[in-house]
Amino acid sequence: MTTISSNRDRVGESPVWSVAEQALYWVDIEARQIRRWDPASDTVQSWTLPERVGCIGLTATVGQLVAAMETGIFAVTLLDVPEVMLECLAPVTHAGPGMRFNDGRCDAQGRFWVGSMVMDMGLASPLGRLYCLDRNGLRALPLDGLITPNGLAFSPDGSTAYLSDSHPSVQKIWAFDLAANGALSHQRVFVDMVPLPGRPDGAAVDAEGCYWICGNDAGLVHRFDPQGRLLQSLEVPVAKPSMCAFGGANLDVLYVASILPGTVDAAAPGLNGAVFALQPGVRGLPEPVFSQFPL
């Protein structure tokens, strides 16, 4: 394991590897920043946004991302650091006050999926929703009772979607059948994380169809087979790994973002909030790009 960025992200999230650029993007939600690490020069650049960014996805245009922000989904063009140009693709009317987008990613059809949550997790408010953005605009899926939706990922053949709820009162991972038109059906419990170490946070799927998810509060990244059986757990030197993504020249590196706990000062010793590179022994798949811009 190596540390690829020692920036102390308050809420490091949404690592995404760009095959076209051979670079890693991720966000610090609370700092309102998008970061990019170039392994060739070992440099990190940061761009500042006017709102919190819950997650990002790639587009076919180098230097442009799709980002789920507080008030909607935006196309973000990265200009000279730290400037950006924003285009709102779809505004959102949240189900209640004090909400923002959280975890999300693109599927193989180029749709952008993202969950929403009440920012104060202590309220345990079940107002979270799962959204999908495609050419027809932003739609909410008919899923009720989500508190902190997380863990979005898709099987290699695109027929299965995964979603978790990382709130301490839930800690479940579900699987769904995903139709070609983006409809979800046959919701079932994929993994009950309650008896396992860590809360289910952000996730990725490898080329073998196994599901990797960060065990927040446990310093672990778990790998489950397609039947939901735990195969292995990798350690990271932080308490709160938040999301993982495959990348590297051969897609055989697992990048893991992390969170600096609110009780820990940014100047305190340790690596909380850093981004790590693990050698998992398996390869991932290229991250799909967002292509279904609203008409």
C-alpha atoms as a PDB file:
ATOM      1  CA  MET A   1       0.000   0.000   0.000  1.00  0.00           C
ATOM      2  CA  THR A   2       1.190   3.518  -0.811  1.00  0.00           C
ATOM      3  CA  THR A   3      -0.124   6.994   0.020  1.00  0.00           C
ATOM      4  CA  ILE A   4      -0.747   8.882  -3.202  1.00  0.00           C
ATOM      5  CA  SER A   5      -2.049  12.091  -1.640  1.00  0.00           C
ATOM      6  CA  SER A   6      -1.395  13.232   1.885  1.00  0.00           C
ATOM      7  CA  ASN A   7      -3.940  16.064   1.611  1.00  0.00           C
ATOM      8  CA  ARG A   8      -6.116  15.879   4.706  1.00  0.00           C
ATOM      9  CA  ASP A   9      -9.504  15.801   3.031  1.00  0.00           C
ATOM     10  CA  ARG A  10     -12.315  16.492   5.465  1.00  0.00           C
ATOM     11  CA  VAL A  11     -14.618  14.225   3.488  1.00  0.00           C
ATOM     12  CA  GLY A  12     -12.623  12.599   0.697  1.00  0.00           C
ATOM     13  CA  GLU A  13     -14.979  10.782  -1.666  1.00  0.00           C
ATOM     14  CA  SER A  14     -15.718   9.598  -5.207  1.00  0.00           C
ATOM     15  CA  PRO A  15     -12.340   8.513  -6.596  1.00  0.00           C
ATOM     16  CA  VAL A  16     -12.608   8.017 -10.366  1.00  0.00           C
ATOM     17  CA  TRP A  17      -9.779   6.845 -12.630  1.00  0.00           C
ATOM     18  CA  SER A  18      -9.627   8.411 -16.093  1.00  0.00           C
ATOM     19  CA  VAL A  19      -8.186   5.911 -18.570  1.00  0.00           C
ATOM     20  CA  ALA A  20      -7.893   8.663 -21.192  1.00  0.00           C
ATOM     21  CA  GLU A  21      -5.798  10.884 -18.919  1.00  0.00           C
ATOM     22  CA  GLN A  22      -4.182   8.168 -16.790  1.00  0.00           C
ATOM     23  CA  ALA A  23      -5.096  10.266 -13.773  1.00  0.00           C
ATOM     24  CA  LEU A  24      -7.227   9.987 -10.638  1.00  0.00           C
ATOM     25  CA  TYR A  25      -9.997  12.412  -9.745  1.00  0.00           C
ATOM     26  CA  TRP A  26     -11.791  12.654  -6.408  1.00  0.00           C
ATOM     27  CA  VAL A  27     -13.596  15.218  -4.253  1.00  0.00           C
ATOM     28  CA  ASP A  28     -13.444  16.702  -0.794  1.00  0.00           C
ATOM     29  CA  ILE A  29     -17.132  17.284  -0.150  1.00  0.00           C
ATOM     30  CA  GLU A  30     -16.825  19.720   2.748  1.00  0.00           C
ATOM     31  CA  ALA A  31     -13.946  21.675   1.161  1.00  0.00           C
ATOM     32  CA  ARG A  32     -16.053  22.046  -2.019  1.00  0.00           C
ATOM     33  CA  GLN A  33     -13.119  20.878  -4.106  1.00  0.00           C
ATOM     34  CA  ILE A  34     -12.388  18.508  -6.974  1.00  0.00           C
ATOM     35  CA  ARG A  35      -8.868  17.076  -6.969  1.00  0.00           C
ATOM     36  CA  ARG A  36      -6.775  15.455  -9.716  1.00  0.00           C
ATOM     37  CA  TRP A  37      -3.636  13.380  -9.191  1.00  0.00           C
ATOM     38  CA  ASP A  38      -1.248  12.916 -12.099  1.00  0.00           C
ATOM     39  CA  PRO A  39       0.946   9.881 -11.352  1.00  0.00           C
ATOM     40  CA  ALA A  40       3.430  10.806 -14.088  1.00  0.00           C
ATOM     41  CA  SER A  41       4.398  13.993 -12.255  1.00  0.00           C
ATOM     42  CA  ASP A  42       3.091  12.954  -8.818  1.00  0.00           C
ATOM     43  CA  THR A  43       1.229  16.240  -8.488  1.00  0.00           C
ATOM     44  CA  VAL A  44      -2.229  17.068  -7.120  1.00  0.00           C
ATOM     45  CA  GLN A  45      -4.346  19.924  -8.454  1.00  0.00           C
ATOM     46  CA  SER A  46      -7.491  21.251  -6.784  1.00  0.00           C
ATOM     47  CA  TRP A  47     -10.435  23.216  -8.161  1.00  0.00           C
ATOM     48  CA  THR A  48     -12.912  25.061  -5.950  1.00  0.00           C
ATOM     49  CA  LEU A  49     -16.679  24.793  -6.442  1.00  0.00           C
ATOM     50  CA  PRO A  50     -19.420  27.116  -5.123  1.00  0.00           C
ATOM     51  CA  GLU A  51     -21.263  24.176  -3.500  1.00  0.00           C
ATOM     52  CA  ARG A  52     -20.478  20.820  -1.926  1.00  0.00           C
ATOM     53  CA  VAL A  53     -19.805  18.123  -4.522  1.00  0.00           C
ATOM     54  CA  GLY A  54     -21.072  14.712  -3.442  1.00  0.00           C
ATOM     55  CA  CYS A  55     -19.659  12.737  -6.370  1.00  0.00           C
ATOM     56  CA  ILE A  56     -18.305  13.023  -9.878  1.00  0.00           C
ATOM     57  CA  GLY A  57     -18.265  11.079 -13.131  1.00  0.00           C
ATOM     58  CA  LEU A  58     -16.223  11.248 -16.303  1.00  0.00           C
ATOM     59  CA  THR A  59     -17.390  12.599 -19.666  1.00  0.00           C
ATOM     60  CA  ALA A  60     -15.881  12.026 -23.107  1.00  0.00           C
ATOM     61  CA  THR A  61     -14.343  15.510 -22.977  1.00  0.00           C
ATOM     62  CA  VAL A  62     -10.960  15.650 -21.257  1.00  0.00           C
ATOM     63  CA  GLY A  63     -11.085  18.203 -18.460  1.00  0.00           C
ATOM     64  CA  GLN A  64     -14.856  18.014 -18.086  1.00  0.00           C
ATOM     65  CA  LEU A  65     -16.706  16.097 -15.376  1.00  0.00           C
ATOM     66  CA  VAL A  66     -20.304  15.576 -14.353  1.00  0.00           C
ATOM     67  CA  ALA A  67     -20.830  16.511 -10.706  1.00  0.00           C
ATOM     68  CA  ALA A  68     -23.683  16.056  -8.257  1.00  0.00           C
ATOM     69  CA  MET A  69     -23.752  19.282  -6.241  1.00  0.00           C
ATOM     70  CA  GLU A  70     -26.168  20.663  -3.680  1.00  0.00           C
ATOM     71  CA  THR A  71     -28.681  22.245  -6.081  1.00  0.00           C
ATOM     72  CA  GLY A  72     -28.421  19.919  -9.066  1.00  0.00           C
ATOM     73  CA  ILE A  73     -26.278  17.952 -11.494  1.00  0.00           C
ATOM     74  CA  PHE A  74     -23.681  20.053 -13.318  1.00  0.00           C
ATOM     75  CA  ALA A  75     -21.198  19.697 -16.145  1.00  0.00           C
ATOM     76  CA  VAL A  76     -17.928  21.024 -14.707  1.00  0.00           C
ATOM     77  CA  THR A  77     -15.185  22.232 -17.028  1.00  0.00           C
ATOM     78  CA  LEU A  78     -11.877  22.506 -15.206  1.00  0.00           C
ATOM     79  CA  LEU A  79     -10.051  25.721 -16.096  1.00  0.00           C
ATOM     80  CA  ASP A  80      -6.816  27.159 -14.719  1.00  0.00           C
ATOM     81  CA  VAL A  81      -6.590  26.156 -11.056  1.00  0.00           C
ATOM     82  CA  PRO A  82      -8.730  26.816  -9.069  1.00  0.00           C
ATOM     83  CA  GLU A  83     -11.345  28.084 -11.551  1.00  0.00           C
ATOM     84  CA  VAL A  84     -14.196  26.085 -13.106  1.00  0.00           C
ATOM     85  CA  MET A  85     -17.012  26.686 -15.576  1.00  0.00           C
ATOM     86  CA  LEU A  86     -20.400  25.245 -14.624  1.00  0.00           C
ATOM     87  CA  GLU A  87     -23.409  24.252 -16.693  1.00  0.00           C
ATOM     88  CA  CYS A  88     -26.501  23.020 -14.875  1.00  0.00           C
ATOM     89  CA  LEU A  89     -27.738  19.845 -16.526  1.00  0.00           C
ATOM     90  CA  ALA A  90     -30.604  19.215 -14.121  1.00  0.00           C
ATOM     91  CA  PRO A  91     -31.724  21.163 -11.038  1.00  0.00           C
ATOM     92  CA  VAL A  92     -33.093  19.202  -8.098  1.00  0.00           C
ATOM     93  CA  THR A  93     -35.854  19.834  -5.583  1.00  0.00           C
ATOM     94  CA  HIS A  94     -34.828  17.831  -2.542  1.00  0.00           C
ATOM     95  CA  ALA A  95     -37.373  16.032  -0.405  1.00  0.00           C
ATOM     96  CA  GLY A  96     -36.588  18.259   2.594  1.00  0.00           C
ATOM     97  CA  PRO A  97     -34.277  20.997   3.891  1.00  0.00           C
ATOM     98  CA  GLY A  98     -30.582  20.550   4.622  1.00  0.00           C
ATOM     99  CA  MET A  99     -30.010  17.924   1.933  1.00  0.00           C
ATOM    100  CA  ARG A 100     -27.305  17.293  -0.661  1.00  0.00           C
ATOM    101  CA  PHE A 101     -26.272  14.642  -3.134  1.00  0.00           C
ATOM    102  CA  ASN A 102     -23.944  11.921  -1.874  1.00  0.00           C
ATOM    103  CA  ASP A 103     -22.548   8.812  -3.588  1.00  0.00           C
ATOM    104  CA  GLY A 104     -22.966   8.188  -7.310  1.00  0.00           C
ATOM    105  CA  ARG A 105     -21.459   6.960 -10.574  1.00  0.00           C
ATOM    106  CA  CYS A 106     -22.181   6.197 -14.227  1.00  0.00           C
ATOM    107  CA  ASP A 107     -23.476   2.912 -15.589  1.00  0.00           C
ATOM    108  CA  ALA A 108     -22.379   1.230 -18.815  1.00  0.00           C
ATOM    109  CA  GLN A 109     -25.194   2.963 -20.747  1.00  0.00           C
ATOM    110  CA  GLY A 110     -23.763   6.369 -19.811  1.00  0.00           C
ATOM    111  CA  ARG A 111     -26.462   7.279 -17.272  1.00  0.00           C
ATOM    112  CA  PHE A 112     -25.457   9.054 -14.054  1.00  0.00           C
ATOM    113  CA  TRP A 113     -26.881   7.587 -10.821  1.00  0.00           C
ATOM    114  CA  VAL A 114     -26.725   9.417  -7.494  1.00  0.00           C
ATOM    115  CA  GLY A 115     -28.267   9.284  -4.029  1.00  0.00           C
ATOM    116  CA  SER A 116     -29.338  12.166  -1.808  1.00  0.00           C
ATOM    117  CA  MET A 117     -29.241  12.525   1.966  1.00  0.00           C
ATOM    118  CA  VAL A 118     -30.006  14.853   4.853  1.00  0.00           C
ATOM    119  CA  MET A 119     -26.604  16.285   5.781  1.00  0.00           C
ATOM    120  CA  ASP A 120     -27.174  15.906   9.525  1.00  0.00           C
ATOM    121  CA  MET A 121     -26.873  12.130   9.847  1.00  0.00           C
ATOM    122  CA  GLY A 122     -27.788  12.414  13.521  1.00  0.00           C
ATOM    123  CA  LEU A 123     -31.375  13.096  12.474  1.00  0.00           C
ATOM    124  CA  ALA A 124     -31.585   9.650  10.802  1.00  0.00           C
ATOM    125  CA  SER A 125     -34.031  11.222   8.383  1.00  0.00           C
ATOM    126  CA  PRO A 126     -35.320   8.728   5.759  1.00  0.00           C
ATOM    127  CA  LEU A 127     -35.731  11.402   3.075  1.00  0.00           C
ATOM    128  CA  GLY A 128     -32.892  10.163   0.891  1.00  0.00           C
ATOM    129  CA  ARG A 129     -33.655   9.243  -2.690  1.00  0.00           C
ATOM    130  CA  LEU A 130     -31.937   7.520  -5.580  1.00  0.00           C
ATOM    131  CA  TYR A 131     -31.858   9.489  -8.839  1.00  0.00           C
ATOM    132  CA  CYS A 132     -30.888   8.735 -12.413  1.00  0.00           C
ATOM    133  CA  LEU A 133     -29.917  11.342 -15.007  1.00  0.00           C
ATOM    134  CA  ASP A 134     -30.229  10.549 -18.705  1.00  0.00           C
ATOM    135  CA  ARG A 135     -31.486  12.179 -21.894  1.00  0.00           C
ATOM    136  CA  ASN A 136     -34.962  12.430 -20.388  1.00  0.00           C
ATOM    137  CA  GLY A 137     -33.718  14.444 -17.424  1.00  0.00           C
ATOM    138  CA  LEU A 138     -33.385  13.697 -13.718  1.00  0.00           C
ATOM    139  CA  ARG A 139     -35.823  11.181 -12.241  1.00  0.00           C
ATOM    140  CA  ALA A 140     -36.208   9.788  -8.737  1.00  0.00           C
ATOM    141  CA  LEU A 141     -36.492   6.023  -8.422  1.00  0.00           C
ATOM    142  CA  PRO A 142     -39.392   4.627  -6.355  1.00  0.00           C
ATOM    143  CA  LEU A 143     -37.278   3.701  -3.322  1.00  0.00           C
ATOM    144  CA  ASP A 144     -38.407   4.911   0.083  1.00  0.00           C
ATOM    145  CA  GLY A 145     -36.727   5.142   3.464  1.00  0.00           C
ATOM    146  CA  LEU A 146     -33.119   5.811   2.435  1.00  0.00           C
ATOM    147  CA  ILE A 147     -31.088   7.661   5.056  1.00  0.00           C
ATOM    148  CA  THR A 148     -27.526   7.673   3.681  1.00  0.00           C
ATOM    149  CA  PRO A 149     -27.522   6.032   0.232  1.00  0.00           C
ATOM    150  CA  ASN A 150     -24.074   4.817  -0.752  1.00  0.00           C
ATOM    151  CA  GLY A 151     -22.250   1.954  -2.435  1.00  0.00           C
ATOM    152  CA  LEU A 152     -23.576   2.464  -5.971  1.00  0.00           C
ATOM    153  CA  ALA A 153     -21.985   0.027  -8.402  1.00  0.00           C
ATOM    154  CA  PHE A 154     -22.908  -2.187 -11.356  1.00  0.00           C
ATOM    155  CA  SER A 155     -22.054  -5.738 -12.340  1.00  0.00           C
ATOM    156  CA  PRO A 156     -19.731  -6.187 -15.348  1.00  0.00           C
ATOM    157  CA  ASP A 157     -22.607  -7.248 -17.602  1.00  0.00           C
ATOM    158  CA  GLY A 158     -24.746  -4.309 -16.457  1.00  0.00           C
ATOM    159  CA  SER A 159     -27.646  -6.469 -15.336  1.00  0.00           C
ATOM    160  CA  THR A 160     -27.248  -5.884 -11.586  1.00  0.00           C
ATOM    161  CA  ALA A 161     -27.117  -2.635  -9.621  1.00  0.00           C
ATOM    162  CA  TYR A 162     -25.877  -2.370  -6.048  1.00  0.00           C
ATOM    163  CA  LEU A 163     -26.818   0.203  -3.407  1.00  0.00           C
ATOM    164  CA  SER A 164     -26.056   0.484   0.289  1.00  0.00           C
ATOM    165  CA  ASP A 165     -27.315   2.577   3.181  1.00  0.00           C
ATOM    166  CA  SER A 166     -24.397   3.388   5.455  1.00  0.00           C
ATOM    167  CA  HIS A 167     -26.400   4.884   8.303  1.00  0.00           C
ATOM    168  CA  PRO A 168     -25.662   3.050  11.606  1.00  0.00           C
ATOM    169  CA  SER A 169     -29.330   2.106  11.936  1.00  0.00           C
ATOM    170  CA  VAL A 170     -29.397   0.348   8.549  1.00  0.00           C
ATOM    171  CA  GLN A 171     -26.000  -0.945   7.283  1.00  0.00           C
ATOM    172  CA  LYS A 172     -27.432  -2.967   4.408  1.00  0.00           C
ATOM    173  CA  ILE A 173     -26.271  -3.562   0.838  1.00  0.00           C
ATOM    174  CA  TRP A 174     -28.965  -4.358  -1.728  1.00  0.00           C
ATOM    175  CA  ALA A 175     -28.847  -5.779  -5.208  1.00  0.00           C
ATOM    176  CA  PHE A 176     -31.391  -4.989  -7.955  1.00  0.00           C
ATOM    177  CA  ASP A 177     -32.091  -6.251 -11.428  1.00  0.00           C
ATOM    178  CA  LEU A 178     -31.252  -3.424 -13.827  1.00  0.00           C
ATOM    179  CA  ALA A 179     -33.145  -3.319 -17.127  1.00  0.00           C
ATOM    180  CA  ALA A 180     -31.751  -1.800 -20.307  1.00  0.00           C
ATOM    181  CA  ASN A 181     -34.102   1.181 -19.917  1.00  0.00           C
ATOM    182  CA  GLY A 182     -32.783   1.938 -16.409  1.00  0.00           C
ATOM    183  CA  ALA A 183     -35.662   0.398 -14.446  1.00  0.00           C
ATOM    184  CA  LEU A 184     -34.807  -1.329 -11.167  1.00  0.00           C
ATOM    185  CA  SER A 185     -36.626  -4.409  -9.897  1.00  0.00           C
ATOM    186  CA  HIS A 186     -36.280  -7.417  -7.569  1.00  0.00           C
ATOM    187  CA  GLN A 187     -34.669  -5.579  -4.658  1.00  0.00           C
ATOM    188  CA  ARG A 188     -33.000  -8.024  -2.270  1.00  0.00           C
ATOM    189  CA  VAL A 189     -30.467  -7.911   0.551  1.00  0.00           C
ATOM    190  CA  PHE A 190     -27.048  -8.635  -0.908  1.00  0.00           C
ATOM    191  CA  VAL A 191     -25.094  -8.256   2.356  1.00  0.00           C
ATOM    192  CA  ASP A 192     -26.204  -7.394   5.884  1.00  0.00           C
ATOM    193  CA  MET A 193     -23.200  -5.496   7.225  1.00  0.00           C
ATOM    194  CA  VAL A 194     -24.478  -5.248  10.804  1.00  0.00           C
ATOM    195  CA  PRO A 195     -22.484  -8.266  12.061  1.00  0.00           C
ATOM    196  CA  LEU A 196     -19.395  -7.288  10.031  1.00  0.00           C
ATOM    197  CA  PRO A 197     -16.763  -4.637  10.865  1.00  0.00           C
ATOM    198  CA  GLY A 198     -17.459  -1.215   9.426  1.00  0.00           C
ATOM    199  CA  ARG A 199     -20.440   0.544   7.910  1.00  0.00           C
ATOM    200  CA  PRO A 200     -20.973   0.064   4.140  1.00  0.00           C
ATOM    201  CA  ASP A 201     -19.757   3.185   2.318  1.00  0.00           C
ATOM    202  CA  GLY A 202     -18.546   3.678  -1.278  1.00  0.00           C
ATOM    203  CA  ALA A 203     -17.918   0.721  -3.572  1.00  0.00           C
ATOM    204  CA  ALA A 204     -16.545  -0.649  -6.836  1.00  0.00           C
ATOM    205  CA  VAL A 205     -16.843  -3.880  -8.831  1.00  0.00           C
ATOM    206  CA  ASP A 206     -13.860  -5.789 -10.229  1.00  0.00           C
ATOM    207  CA  ALA A 207     -13.534  -7.609 -13.555  1.00  0.00           C
ATOM    208  CA  GLU A 208     -14.549 -10.882 -11.889  1.00  0.00           C
ATOM    209  CA  GLY A 209     -17.836  -9.386 -10.779  1.00  0.00           C
ATOM    210  CA  CYS A 210     -16.903  -9.136  -7.105  1.00  0.00           C
ATOM    211  CA  TYR A 211     -18.084  -6.148  -5.070  1.00  0.00           C
ATOM    212  CA  TRP A 212     -15.599  -4.081  -3.051  1.00  0.00           C
ATOM    213  CA  ILE A 213     -16.932  -1.753  -0.359  1.00  0.00           C
ATOM    214  CA  CYS A 214     -15.264   0.446   2.226  1.00  0.00           C
ATOM    215  CA  GLY A 215     -15.913  -0.521   5.829  1.00  0.00           C
ATOM    216  CA  ASN A 216     -16.214   2.946   7.317  1.00  0.00           C
ATOM    217  CA  ASP A 217     -15.169   3.157  10.999  1.00  0.00           C
ATOM    218  CA  ALA A 218     -13.265  -0.148  10.681  1.00  0.00           C
ATOM    219  CA  GLY A 219     -10.297   0.789   8.468  1.00  0.00           C
ATOM    220  CA  LEU A 220     -11.133  -2.021   6.020  1.00  0.00           C
ATOM    221  CA  VAL A 221     -12.126  -2.581   2.413  1.00  0.00           C
ATOM    222  CA  HIS A 222     -14.209  -5.742   1.971  1.00  0.00           C
ATOM    223  CA  ARG A 223     -14.555  -7.912  -1.133  1.00  0.00           C
ATOM    224  CA  PHE A 224     -17.747  -9.932  -1.656  1.00  0.00           C
ATOM    225  CA  ASP A 225     -18.408 -12.449  -4.420  1.00  0.00           C
ATOM    226  CA  PRO A 226     -21.540 -12.090  -6.604  1.00  0.00           C
ATOM    227  CA  GLN A 227     -23.472 -14.236  -4.105  1.00  0.00           C
ATOM    228  CA  GLY A 228     -22.628 -11.858  -1.242  1.00  0.00           C
ATOM    229  CA  ARG A 229     -20.021 -14.050   0.461  1.00  0.00           C
ATOM    230  CA  LEU A 230     -17.106 -12.237   2.097  1.00  0.00           C
ATOM    231  CA  LEU A 231     -13.866 -13.230   0.354  1.00  0.00           C
ATOM    232  CA  GLN A 232     -11.267 -10.917   1.888  1.00  0.00           C
ATOM    233  CA  SER A 233     -10.715  -7.665   3.774  1.00  0.00           C
ATOM    234  CA  LEU A 234      -7.833  -5.276   3.131  1.00  0.00           C
ATOM    235  CA  GLU A 235      -6.595  -2.887   5.812  1.00  0.00           C
ATOM    236  CA  VAL A 236      -5.938   0.827   5.404  1.00  0.00           C
ATOM    237  CA  PRO A 237      -4.217   3.001   8.041  1.00  0.00           C
ATOM    238  CA  VAL A 238      -7.285   5.179   8.672  1.00  0.00           C
ATOM    239  CA  ALA A 239     -10.513   4.661  10.555  1.00  0.00           C
ATOM    240  CA  LYS A 240     -12.856   5.952   7.865  1.00  0.00           C
ATOM    241  CA  PRO A 241     -12.167   4.747   4.331  1.00  0.00           C
ATOM    242  CA  SER A 242     -14.987   6.182   2.252  1.00  0.00           C
ATOM    243  CA  MET A 243     -14.933   4.944  -1.354  1.00  0.00           C
ATOM    244  CA  CYS A 244     -12.729   2.845  -3.620  1.00  0.00           C
ATOM    245  CA  ALA A 245     -12.074   2.739  -7.367  1.00  0.00           C
ATOM    246  CA  PHE A 246      -9.926   0.663  -9.691  1.00  0.00           C
ATOM    247  CA  GLY A 247      -7.289   2.402 -11.773  1.00  0.00           C
ATOM    248  CA  GLY A 248      -3.671   2.466 -12.817  1.00  0.00           C
ATOM    249  CA  ALA A 249      -2.225   1.618 -16.230  1.00  0.00           C
ATOM    250  CA  ASN A 250      -3.471  -1.973 -15.955  1.00  0.00           C
ATOM    251  CA  LEU A 251      -6.538  -1.256 -13.806  1.00  0.00           C
ATOM    252  CA  ASP A 252      -4.970  -3.411 -11.089  1.00  0.00           C
ATOM    253  CA  VAL A 253      -4.689  -0.711  -8.404  1.00  0.00           C
ATOM    254  CA  LEU A 254      -7.458  -0.047  -5.892  1.00  0.00           C
ATOM    255  CA  TYR A 255      -7.553   3.616  -4.905  1.00  0.00           C
ATOM    256  CA  VAL A 256      -9.204   4.404  -1.572  1.00  0.00           C
ATOM    257  CA  ALA A 257     -10.314   7.847  -0.377  1.00  0.00           C
ATOM    258  CA  SER A 258     -10.851   8.587   3.304  1.00  0.00           C
ATOM    259  CA  ILE A 259     -12.451  10.971   5.771  1.00  0.00           C
ATOM    260  CA  LEU A 260     -10.848  13.093   8.468  1.00  0.00           C
ATOM    261  CA  PRO A 261     -13.085  12.493  11.522  1.00  0.00           C
ATOM    262  CA  GLY A 262     -14.736  15.589  12.875  1.00  0.00           C
ATOM    263  CA  THR A 263     -13.085  15.038  16.238  1.00  0.00           C
ATOM    264  CA  VAL A 264      -9.573  15.044  14.709  1.00  0.00           C
ATOM    265  CA  ASP A 265      -7.669  18.233  13.925  1.00  0.00           C
ATOM    266  CA  ALA A 266      -6.272  18.523  10.403  1.00  0.00           C
ATOM    267  CA  ALA A 267      -2.817  19.174  11.875  1.00  0.00           C
ATOM    268  CA  ALA A 268      -2.907  16.037  14.030  1.00  0.00           C
ATOM    269  CA  PRO A 269      -0.498  13.201  13.167  1.00  0.00           C
ATOM    270  CA  GLY A 270      -1.770  10.373  11.013  1.00  0.00           C
ATOM    271  CA  LEU A 271      -3.160   9.794   7.547  1.00  0.00           C
ATOM    272  CA  ASN A 272      -6.883  10.341   8.097  1.00  0.00           C
ATOM    273  CA  GLY A 273      -8.204  12.112   5.001  1.00  0.00           C
ATOM    274  CA  ALA A 274      -5.468  10.804   2.685  1.00  0.00           C
ATOM    275  CA  VAL A 275      -5.882   8.743  -0.503  1.00  0.00           C
ATOM    276  CA  PHE A 276      -4.243   5.325  -0.760  1.00  0.00           C
ATOM    277  CA  ALA A 277      -3.300   2.849  -3.476  1.00  0.00           C
ATOM    278  CA  LEU A 278      -3.676  -0.859  -2.704  1.00  0.00           C
ATOM    279  CA  GLN A 279      -2.623  -3.921  -4.693  1.00  0.00           C
ATOM    280  CA  PRO A 280      -5.744  -6.131  -4.503  1.00  0.00           C
ATOM    281  CA  GLY A 281      -4.514  -8.906  -6.784  1.00  0.00           C
ATOM    282  CA  VAL A 282      -7.377  -8.468  -9.281  1.00  0.00           C
ATOM    283  CA  ARG A 283      -8.196  -6.025 -12.048  1.00  0.00           C
ATOM    284  CA  GLY A 284     -11.057  -3.634 -12.323  1.00  0.00           C
ATOM    285  CA  LEU A 285     -12.975  -2.286 -15.309  1.00  0.00           C
ATOM    286  CA  PRO A 286     -12.717   1.125 -16.992  1.00  0.00           C
ATOM    287  CA  GLU A 287     -15.085   3.611 -15.382  1.00  0.00           C
ATOM    288  CA  PRO A 288     -17.962   4.373 -17.781  1.00  0.00           C
ATOM    289  CA  VAL A 289     -18.359   7.945 -18.978  1.00  0.00           C
ATOM    290  CA  PHE A 290     -21.508  10.049 -18.792  1.00  0.00           C
ATOM    291  CA  SER A 291     -22.932  10.325 -22.291  1.00  0.00           C
ATOM    292  CA  GLN A 292     -26.704  10.756 -21.883  1.00  0.00           C
ATOM    293  CA  PHE A 293     -26.852  14.515 -21.567  1.00  0.00           C
ATOM    294  CA  PRO A 294     -30.421  15.779 -21.134  1.00  0.00           C
ATOM    295  CA  LEU A 295     -32.087  16.814 -24.380  1.00  0.00           C
END
